[in-house]
Amino acid sequence: MTLTLFLLNFHKIHAAWQLKIYTRQLVSDIRYIQQQSIMNLEGDLQYRIKFYSKYLDNANKYQIWRGNIEIVKEVKLPETLEMYYGGAEQPFNPDPDDPTVRVLAYKSSGEIATNTGTVNLRDKINERAVGVVVHRMRVRIGAPNEVAY
């Protein structure tokens, strides 16, 4: 009985920890592509993040792209988390090759080159969610925007 309670609590604590870690990683990755866009050391190759939400087959991940030619990093969320969009409008811009994929990119000035938006991450075990809000030159962690797409 005690072991069962311990395992149940451990599972909940681990899921909450994953939500915190993956949210911070996403914010860090967004800031990374912003900084790469400002430095623009690769000429015209723009850094971007492509979001594949829970509503797509084999999704619940995001990728950092260098231009349209190279995936620099791919982050797959664990089974306990799901990624979805929130807000009155679809966030960011659709990928020209796949309109179900949303793309976030920055200008060399550091300002957002696509639409602004919120990406929500939800811990399915504890039913908690956080929003990663991207607006103009800022990114922050806040409350989730629950109008989901």
N, C-alpha and C. Protein backbone atom coordinates (compact mmCIF):
# COMPACT_ATOMS: atom_id res chain seq x y z
N MET A 1 0.82 -1.20 0.00
CA MET A 1 0.00 0.00 0.00
C MET A 1 0.87 1.26 0.00
N THR A 2 1.88 1.30 0.86
CA THR A 2 2.76 2.45 0.95
C THR A 2 3.56 2.62 -0.34
N LEU A 3 4.02 1.51 -0.89
CA LEU A 3 4.77 1.56 -2.15
C LEU A 3 3.88 2.09 -3.28
N THR A 4 2.64 1.68 -3.33
CA THR A 4 1.71 2.15 -4.36
C THR A 4 1.50 3.66 -4.25
N LEU A 5 1.30 4.16 -3.04
CA LEU A 5 1.14 5.60 -2.84
C LEU A 5 2.40 6.35 -3.23
N PHE A 6 3.55 5.80 -2.88
CA PHE A 6 4.81 6.42 -3.25
C PHE A 6 4.95 6.51 -4.77
N LEU A 7 4.67 5.41 -5.46
CA LEU A 7 4.80 5.40 -6.92
C LEU A 7 3.81 6.36 -7.58
N LEU A 8 2.60 6.43 -7.06
CA LEU A 8 1.61 7.35 -7.60
C LEU A 8 2.06 8.80 -7.42
N ASN A 9 2.54 9.13 -6.23
CA ASN A 9 3.03 10.48 -5.98
C ASN A 9 4.27 10.78 -6.80
N PHE A 10 5.16 9.80 -6.93
CA PHE A 10 6.36 10.00 -7.74
C PHE A 10 5.99 10.30 -9.19
N HIS A 11 5.01 9.58 -9.71
CA HIS A 11 4.56 9.78 -11.10
C HIS A 11 4.04 11.21 -11.28
N LYS A 12 3.27 11.70 -10.33
CA LYS A 12 2.74 13.07 -10.40
C LYS A 12 3.86 14.10 -10.28
N ILE A 13 4.79 13.88 -9.39
CA ILE A 13 5.91 14.81 -9.22
C ILE A 13 6.78 14.83 -10.46
N HIS A 14 7.03 13.66 -11.02
CA HIS A 14 7.85 13.57 -12.23
C HIS A 14 7.18 14.29 -13.40
N ALA A 15 5.88 14.14 -13.56
CA ALA A 15 5.15 14.82 -14.64
C ALA A 15 5.21 16.33 -14.46
N ALA A 16 5.05 16.82 -13.24
CA ALA A 16 5.14 18.26 -12.97
C ALA A 16 6.54 18.78 -13.27
N TRP A 17 7.56 17.99 -12.93
CA TRP A 17 8.94 18.36 -13.21
C TRP A 17 9.17 18.44 -14.73
N GLN A 18 8.64 17.47 -15.47
CA GLN A 18 8.79 17.49 -16.92
C GLN A 18 8.15 18.73 -17.53
N LEU A 19 6.99 19.13 -17.04
CA LEU A 19 6.33 20.34 -17.54
C LEU A 19 7.24 21.55 -17.35
N LYS A 20 7.83 21.65 -16.19
CA LYS A 20 8.72 22.78 -15.89
C LYS A 20 9.96 22.77 -16.78
N ILE A 21 10.59 21.62 -16.91
CA ILE A 21 11.82 21.50 -17.70
C ILE A 21 11.57 21.77 -19.19
N TYR A 22 10.54 21.16 -19.75
CA TYR A 22 10.27 21.34 -21.18
C TYR A 22 9.78 22.75 -21.51
N THR A 23 9.09 23.39 -20.58
CA THR A 23 8.67 24.78 -20.79
C THR A 23 9.90 25.68 -20.83
N ARG A 24 10.79 25.50 -19.90
CA ARG A 24 12.02 26.31 -19.89
C ARG A 24 12.87 26.05 -21.12
N GLN A 25 12.90 24.79 -21.57
CA GLN A 25 13.67 24.46 -22.78
C GLN A 25 13.09 25.16 -24.00
N LEU A 26 11.76 25.18 -24.11
CA LEU A 26 11.12 25.85 -25.24
C LEU A 26 11.43 27.34 -25.23
N VAL A 27 11.33 27.98 -24.07
CA VAL A 27 11.66 29.41 -23.98
C VAL A 27 13.11 29.63 -24.38
N SER A 28 14.00 28.79 -23.90
CA SER A 28 15.42 28.91 -24.25
C SER A 28 15.64 28.74 -25.75
N ASP A 29 14.96 27.79 -26.36
CA ASP A 29 15.10 27.57 -27.81
C ASP A 29 14.54 28.75 -28.62
N ILE A 30 13.45 29.34 -28.16
CA ILE A 30 12.91 30.52 -28.85
C ILE A 30 13.90 31.67 -28.77
N ARG A 31 14.46 31.87 -27.61
CA ARG A 31 15.47 32.94 -27.46
C ARG A 31 16.72 32.65 -28.30
N TYR A 32 17.05 31.38 -28.43
CA TYR A 32 18.19 30.99 -29.26
C TYR A 32 17.97 31.39 -30.73
N ILE A 33 16.80 31.08 -31.28
CA ILE A 33 16.59 31.44 -32.69
C ILE A 33 16.52 32.96 -32.86
N GLN A 34 16.04 33.66 -31.84
CA GLN A 34 16.03 35.13 -31.91
C GLN A 34 17.46 35.65 -31.97
N GLN A 35 18.33 35.13 -31.10
CA GLN A 35 19.72 35.57 -31.08
C GLN A 35 20.44 35.20 -32.38
N GLN A 36 20.17 34.01 -32.90
CA GLN A 36 20.79 33.61 -34.16
C GLN A 36 20.34 34.53 -35.30
N SER A 37 19.09 34.95 -35.27
CA SER A 37 18.59 35.86 -36.30
C SER A 37 19.24 37.23 -36.20
N ILE A 38 19.48 37.69 -34.97
CA ILE A 38 20.14 38.98 -34.77
C ILE A 38 21.59 38.90 -35.25
N MET A 39 22.29 37.83 -34.89
CA MET A 39 23.69 37.69 -35.30
C MET A 39 23.78 37.45 -36.80
N ASN A 40 22.86 36.67 -37.35
CA ASN A 40 22.77 36.40 -38.78
C ASN A 40 24.13 36.10 -39.41
N LEU A 41 24.90 35.24 -38.76
CA LEU A 41 26.23 34.92 -39.25
C LEU A 41 26.21 34.08 -40.52
N GLU A 42 25.08 33.48 -40.81
CA GLU A 42 24.99 32.59 -41.97
C GLU A 42 24.40 33.29 -43.19
N GLY A 43 24.44 34.60 -43.23
CA GLY A 43 23.88 35.32 -44.37
C GLY A 43 22.37 35.32 -44.35
N ASP A 44 21.76 34.81 -45.39
CA ASP A 44 20.31 34.84 -45.52
C ASP A 44 19.60 33.65 -44.88
N LEU A 45 20.32 32.77 -44.21
CA LEU A 45 19.68 31.61 -43.61
C LEU A 45 18.98 32.02 -42.32
N GLN A 46 17.68 32.01 -42.35
CA GLN A 46 16.90 32.41 -41.19
C GLN A 46 16.64 31.20 -40.29
N TYR A 47 16.81 31.39 -39.00
CA TYR A 47 16.48 30.34 -38.04
C TYR A 47 15.00 30.42 -37.72
N ARG A 48 14.37 29.26 -37.53
CA ARG A 48 12.94 29.22 -37.22
C ARG A 48 12.63 27.99 -36.39
N ILE A 49 11.47 28.03 -35.75
CA ILE A 49 10.97 26.86 -35.04
C ILE A 49 9.68 26.43 -35.72
N LYS A 50 9.60 25.15 -36.00
CA LYS A 50 8.37 24.57 -36.55
C LYS A 50 7.70 23.76 -35.45
N PHE A 51 6.43 24.09 -35.19
CA PHE A 51 5.66 23.42 -34.14
C PHE A 51 4.72 22.39 -34.76
N TYR A 52 4.79 21.18 -34.26
CA TYR A 52 3.91 20.10 -34.66
C TYR A 52 3.06 19.77 -33.44
N SER A 53 1.82 20.20 -33.41
CA SER A 53 1.01 20.07 -32.19
C SER A 53 0.43 18.67 -32.04
N LYS A 54 -0.28 18.46 -30.94
CA LYS A 54 -0.89 17.16 -30.63
C LYS A 54 -1.93 16.76 -31.67
N TYR A 55 -2.40 17.71 -32.45
CA TYR A 55 -3.47 17.42 -33.40
C TYR A 55 -2.95 16.81 -34.70
N LEU A 56 -1.65 16.72 -34.86
CA LEU A 56 -1.06 16.13 -36.06
C LEU A 56 -0.63 14.71 -35.78
N ASP A 57 -0.62 13.89 -36.81
CA ASP A 57 -0.14 12.52 -36.65
C ASP A 57 1.34 12.53 -36.27
N ASN A 58 1.69 11.70 -35.31
CA ASN A 58 3.09 11.55 -34.89
C ASN A 58 3.73 12.89 -34.55
N ALA A 59 3.00 13.73 -33.83
CA ALA A 59 3.47 15.08 -33.57
C ALA A 59 3.86 15.26 -32.11
N ASN A 60 3.44 16.40 -31.53
CA ASN A 60 3.78 16.76 -30.17
C ASN A 60 5.29 16.97 -30.05
N LYS A 61 5.82 17.76 -30.99
CA LYS A 61 7.24 18.05 -31.03
C LYS A 61 7.45 19.41 -31.69
N TYR A 62 8.68 19.90 -31.59
CA TYR A 62 9.07 21.06 -32.37
C TYR A 62 10.49 20.87 -32.88
N GLN A 63 10.79 21.58 -33.96
CA GLN A 63 12.12 21.49 -34.58
C GLN A 63 12.68 22.89 -34.78
N ILE A 64 13.98 23.01 -34.57
CA ILE A 64 14.68 24.25 -34.91
C ILE A 64 15.33 24.02 -36.27
N TRP A 65 15.04 24.92 -37.21
CA TRP A 65 15.57 24.83 -38.56
C TRP A 65 16.54 25.97 -38.82
N ARG A 66 17.59 25.70 -39.56
CA ARG A 66 18.49 26.71 -40.08
C ARG A 66 18.16 26.84 -41.55
N GLY A 67 17.48 27.93 -41.88
CA GLY A 67 16.97 28.09 -43.23
C GLY A 67 15.93 27.01 -43.51
N ASN A 68 15.86 26.56 -44.73
CA ASN A 68 14.97 25.46 -45.09
C ASN A 68 15.76 24.19 -45.37
N ILE A 69 17.03 24.18 -44.96
CA ILE A 69 17.89 23.09 -45.39
C ILE A 69 18.36 22.16 -44.29
N GLU A 70 18.31 22.61 -43.03
CA GLU A 70 18.91 21.79 -41.99
C GLU A 70 18.11 21.87 -40.69
N ILE A 71 17.81 20.72 -40.13
CA ILE A 71 17.21 20.66 -38.80
C ILE A 71 18.36 20.68 -37.79
N VAL A 72 18.40 21.73 -36.98
CA VAL A 72 19.46 21.88 -35.99
C VAL A 72 19.14 21.06 -34.74
N LYS A 73 17.85 21.00 -34.39
CA LYS A 73 17.45 20.32 -33.16
C LYS A 73 16.00 19.90 -33.28
N GLU A 74 15.67 18.76 -32.70
CA GLU A 74 14.28 18.32 -32.61
C GLU A 74 14.00 17.93 -31.16
N VAL A 75 12.88 18.44 -30.64
CA VAL A 75 12.48 18.14 -29.27
C VAL A 75 11.12 17.45 -29.32
N LYS A 76 11.10 16.19 -28.88
CA LYS A 76 9.85 15.45 -28.78
C LYS A 76 9.40 15.48 -27.32
N LEU A 77 8.17 15.87 -27.11
CA LEU A 77 7.66 15.93 -25.74
C LEU A 77 7.36 14.53 -25.23
N PRO A 78 7.54 14.31 -23.94
CA PRO A 78 7.21 12.99 -23.38
C PRO A 78 5.70 12.75 -23.40
N GLU A 79 5.31 11.52 -23.21
CA GLU A 79 3.89 11.13 -23.25
C GLU A 79 3.03 11.87 -22.23
N THR A 80 3.64 12.31 -21.13
CA THR A 80 2.87 12.99 -20.09
C THR A 80 2.53 14.43 -20.45
N LEU A 81 3.14 14.97 -21.51
CA LEU A 81 2.91 16.35 -21.92
C LEU A 81 2.26 16.41 -23.28
N GLU A 82 1.50 17.48 -23.50
CA GLU A 82 0.99 17.75 -24.85
C GLU A 82 1.13 19.23 -25.14
N MET A 83 1.34 19.54 -26.41
CA MET A 83 1.50 20.90 -26.87
C MET A 83 0.29 21.26 -27.72
N TYR A 84 -0.27 22.44 -27.45
CA TYR A 84 -1.38 22.93 -28.26
C TYR A 84 -1.33 24.44 -28.29
N TYR A 85 -2.03 25.03 -29.24
CA TYR A 85 -2.02 26.47 -29.40
C TYR A 85 -3.21 27.08 -28.68
N GLY A 86 -3.09 28.34 -28.36
CA GLY A 86 -4.20 29.05 -27.73
C GLY A 86 -4.31 30.44 -28.31
N GLY A 87 -5.45 31.03 -28.11
CA GLY A 87 -5.67 32.39 -28.56
C GLY A 87 -6.81 32.50 -29.52
N ALA A 88 -7.15 33.73 -29.81
CA ALA A 88 -8.27 34.00 -30.70
C ALA A 88 -7.92 33.69 -32.15
N GLU A 89 -6.64 33.71 -32.46
CA GLU A 89 -6.19 33.44 -33.83
C GLU A 89 -5.14 32.34 -33.80
N GLN A 90 -4.91 31.73 -34.94
CA GLN A 90 -3.84 30.74 -35.04
C GLN A 90 -2.51 31.45 -34.80
N PRO A 91 -1.62 30.88 -33.99
CA PRO A 91 -0.34 31.54 -33.72
C PRO A 91 0.64 31.39 -34.87
N PHE A 92 1.55 32.33 -34.95
CA PHE A 92 2.65 32.29 -35.88
C PHE A 92 2.13 32.18 -37.32
N ASN A 93 2.88 31.59 -38.21
CA ASN A 93 2.46 31.47 -39.60
C ASN A 93 2.44 30.01 -40.01
N PRO A 94 1.57 29.64 -40.95
CA PRO A 94 1.60 28.26 -41.43
C PRO A 94 2.86 28.01 -42.27
N ASP A 95 3.36 26.81 -42.20
CA ASP A 95 4.48 26.40 -43.02
C ASP A 95 3.98 26.29 -44.46
N PRO A 96 4.67 26.87 -45.43
CA PRO A 96 4.21 26.79 -46.83
C PRO A 96 4.07 25.35 -47.34
N ASP A 97 4.89 24.44 -46.81
CA ASP A 97 4.83 23.05 -47.26
C ASP A 97 3.75 22.24 -46.56
N ASP A 98 3.35 22.68 -45.35
CA ASP A 98 2.34 21.96 -44.58
C ASP A 98 1.60 22.96 -43.70
N PRO A 99 0.43 23.41 -44.10
CA PRO A 99 -0.28 24.45 -43.35
C PRO A 99 -0.71 24.06 -41.94
N THR A 100 -0.64 22.77 -41.58
CA THR A 100 -0.98 22.37 -40.22
C THR A 100 0.18 22.61 -39.26
N VAL A 101 1.37 22.84 -39.80
CA VAL A 101 2.56 23.13 -38.99
C VAL A 101 2.69 24.65 -38.87
N ARG A 102 2.94 25.13 -37.66
CA ARG A 102 3.08 26.56 -37.42
C ARG A 102 4.57 26.90 -37.30
N VAL A 103 4.97 28.07 -37.84
CA VAL A 103 6.38 28.46 -37.89
C VAL A 103 6.57 29.79 -37.17
N LEU A 104 7.58 29.84 -36.32
CA LEU A 104 7.98 31.05 -35.61
C LEU A 104 9.35 31.45 -36.13
N ALA A 105 9.49 32.72 -36.53
CA ALA A 105 10.78 33.21 -37.02
C ALA A 105 10.95 34.67 -36.59
N TYR A 106 12.21 35.12 -36.61
CA TYR A 106 12.54 36.49 -36.21
C TYR A 106 13.28 37.20 -37.33
N LYS A 107 13.18 38.53 -37.33
CA LYS A 107 13.94 39.39 -38.24
C LYS A 107 15.33 39.61 -37.64
N SER A 108 16.24 40.16 -38.43
CA SER A 108 17.59 40.44 -37.94
C SER A 108 17.59 41.54 -36.87
N SER A 109 16.49 42.31 -36.77
CA SER A 109 16.37 43.34 -35.74
C SER A 109 16.01 42.72 -34.38
N GLY A 110 15.63 41.45 -34.38
CA GLY A 110 15.21 40.78 -33.15
C GLY A 110 13.70 40.76 -32.96
N GLU A 111 12.99 41.48 -33.84
CA GLU A 111 11.53 41.46 -33.76
C GLU A 111 10.98 40.23 -34.46
N ILE A 112 9.81 39.81 -34.04
CA ILE A 112 9.19 38.62 -34.61
C ILE A 112 8.83 38.88 -36.08
N ALA A 113 9.14 37.92 -36.93
CA ALA A 113 8.87 38.06 -38.37
C ALA A 113 7.55 37.41 -38.75
N THR A 114 6.98 36.64 -37.85
CA THR A 114 5.72 35.95 -38.11
C THR A 114 4.66 36.52 -37.17
N ASN A 115 3.47 35.96 -37.21
CA ASN A 115 2.45 36.37 -36.25
C ASN A 115 2.90 36.00 -34.83
N THR A 116 2.40 36.75 -33.85
CA THR A 116 2.66 36.40 -32.46
C THR A 116 1.74 35.25 -32.06
N GLY A 117 1.93 34.73 -30.86
CA GLY A 117 1.05 33.65 -30.43
C GLY A 117 1.47 33.03 -29.11
N THR A 118 0.69 32.05 -28.70
CA THR A 118 0.94 31.32 -27.46
C THR A 118 0.97 29.83 -27.77
N VAL A 119 1.98 29.17 -27.23
CA VAL A 119 2.07 27.72 -27.29
C VAL A 119 1.86 27.22 -25.87
N ASN A 120 0.87 26.38 -25.68
CA ASN A 120 0.58 25.84 -24.35
C ASN A 120 1.17 24.45 -24.22
N LEU A 121 1.72 24.17 -23.04
CA LEU A 121 2.17 22.83 -22.69
C LEU A 121 1.33 22.38 -21.51
N ARG A 122 0.78 21.17 -21.61
CA ARG A 122 -0.10 20.67 -20.56
C ARG A 122 0.43 19.35 -20.01
N ASP A 123 0.46 19.28 -18.70
CA ASP A 123 0.80 18.06 -17.96
C ASP A 123 -0.50 17.25 -17.84
N LYS A 124 -0.59 16.14 -18.56
CA LYS A 124 -1.82 15.34 -18.59
C LYS A 124 -2.08 14.60 -17.28
N ILE A 125 -1.07 14.38 -16.48
CA ILE A 125 -1.22 13.65 -15.22
C ILE A 125 -1.87 14.55 -14.15
N ASN A 126 -1.33 15.76 -14.01
CA ASN A 126 -1.80 16.69 -12.97
C ASN A 126 -2.82 17.70 -13.49
N GLU A 127 -3.10 17.65 -14.80
CA GLU A 127 -4.05 18.59 -15.42
C GLU A 127 -3.65 20.05 -15.19
N ARG A 128 -2.34 20.33 -15.35
CA ARG A 128 -1.84 21.69 -15.25
C ARG A 128 -1.26 22.09 -16.60
N ALA A 129 -1.40 23.37 -16.92
CA ALA A 129 -0.87 23.86 -18.19
C ALA A 129 -0.19 25.21 -17.98
N VAL A 130 0.76 25.49 -18.84
CA VAL A 130 1.42 26.80 -18.88
C VAL A 130 1.45 27.26 -20.33
N GLY A 131 1.52 28.56 -20.50
CA GLY A 131 1.61 29.13 -21.83
C GLY A 131 2.97 29.76 -22.06
N VAL A 132 3.52 29.55 -23.23
CA VAL A 132 4.73 30.25 -23.64
C VAL A 132 4.26 31.31 -24.64
N VAL A 133 4.32 32.55 -24.19
CA VAL A 133 3.75 33.67 -24.94
C VAL A 133 4.88 34.36 -25.70
N VAL A 134 4.71 34.47 -27.01
CA VAL A 134 5.70 35.13 -27.87
C VAL A 134 5.04 36.37 -28.46
N HIS A 135 5.62 37.52 -28.13
CA HIS A 135 5.05 38.78 -28.59
C HIS A 135 6.17 39.75 -28.93
N ARG A 136 6.19 40.19 -30.16
CA ARG A 136 7.18 41.14 -30.68
C ARG A 136 8.60 40.70 -30.36
N MET A 137 9.27 41.35 -29.40
CA MET A 137 10.66 40.99 -29.11
C MET A 137 10.79 40.19 -27.81
N ARG A 138 9.67 39.75 -27.24
CA ARG A 138 9.71 39.08 -25.94
C ARG A 138 9.11 37.69 -26.00
N VAL A 139 9.57 36.87 -25.07
CA VAL A 139 8.98 35.56 -24.85
C VAL A 139 8.91 35.38 -23.34
N ARG A 140 7.78 34.87 -22.86
CA ARG A 140 7.63 34.69 -21.42
C ARG A 140 6.75 33.49 -21.14
N ILE A 141 6.86 33.02 -19.92
CA ILE A 141 6.01 31.92 -19.44
C ILE A 141 4.87 32.55 -18.67
N GLY A 142 3.65 32.14 -18.98
CA GLY A 142 2.50 32.69 -18.31
C GLY A 142 1.37 31.69 -18.25
N ALA A 143 0.19 32.21 -17.99
CA ALA A 143 -0.99 31.36 -17.96
C ALA A 143 -1.31 30.86 -19.36
N PRO A 144 -1.84 29.67 -19.47
CA PRO A 144 -2.20 29.15 -20.80
C PRO A 144 -3.39 29.92 -21.36
N ASN A 145 -3.39 30.04 -22.66
CA ASN A 145 -4.52 30.62 -23.36
C ASN A 145 -5.37 29.44 -23.80
N GLU A 146 -6.52 29.27 -23.18
CA GLU A 146 -7.27 28.02 -23.29
C GLU A 146 -8.20 27.89 -24.49
N VAL A 147 -8.23 28.87 -25.39
CA VAL A 147 -8.98 28.69 -26.62
C VAL A 147 -8.09 27.88 -27.54
N ALA A 148 -8.24 26.58 -27.53
CA ALA A 148 -7.28 25.69 -28.18
C ALA A 148 -7.61 25.48 -29.65
N TYR A 149 -6.54 25.29 -30.43
CA TYR A 149 -6.64 24.93 -31.85
C TYR A 149 -5.99 23.59 -32.05
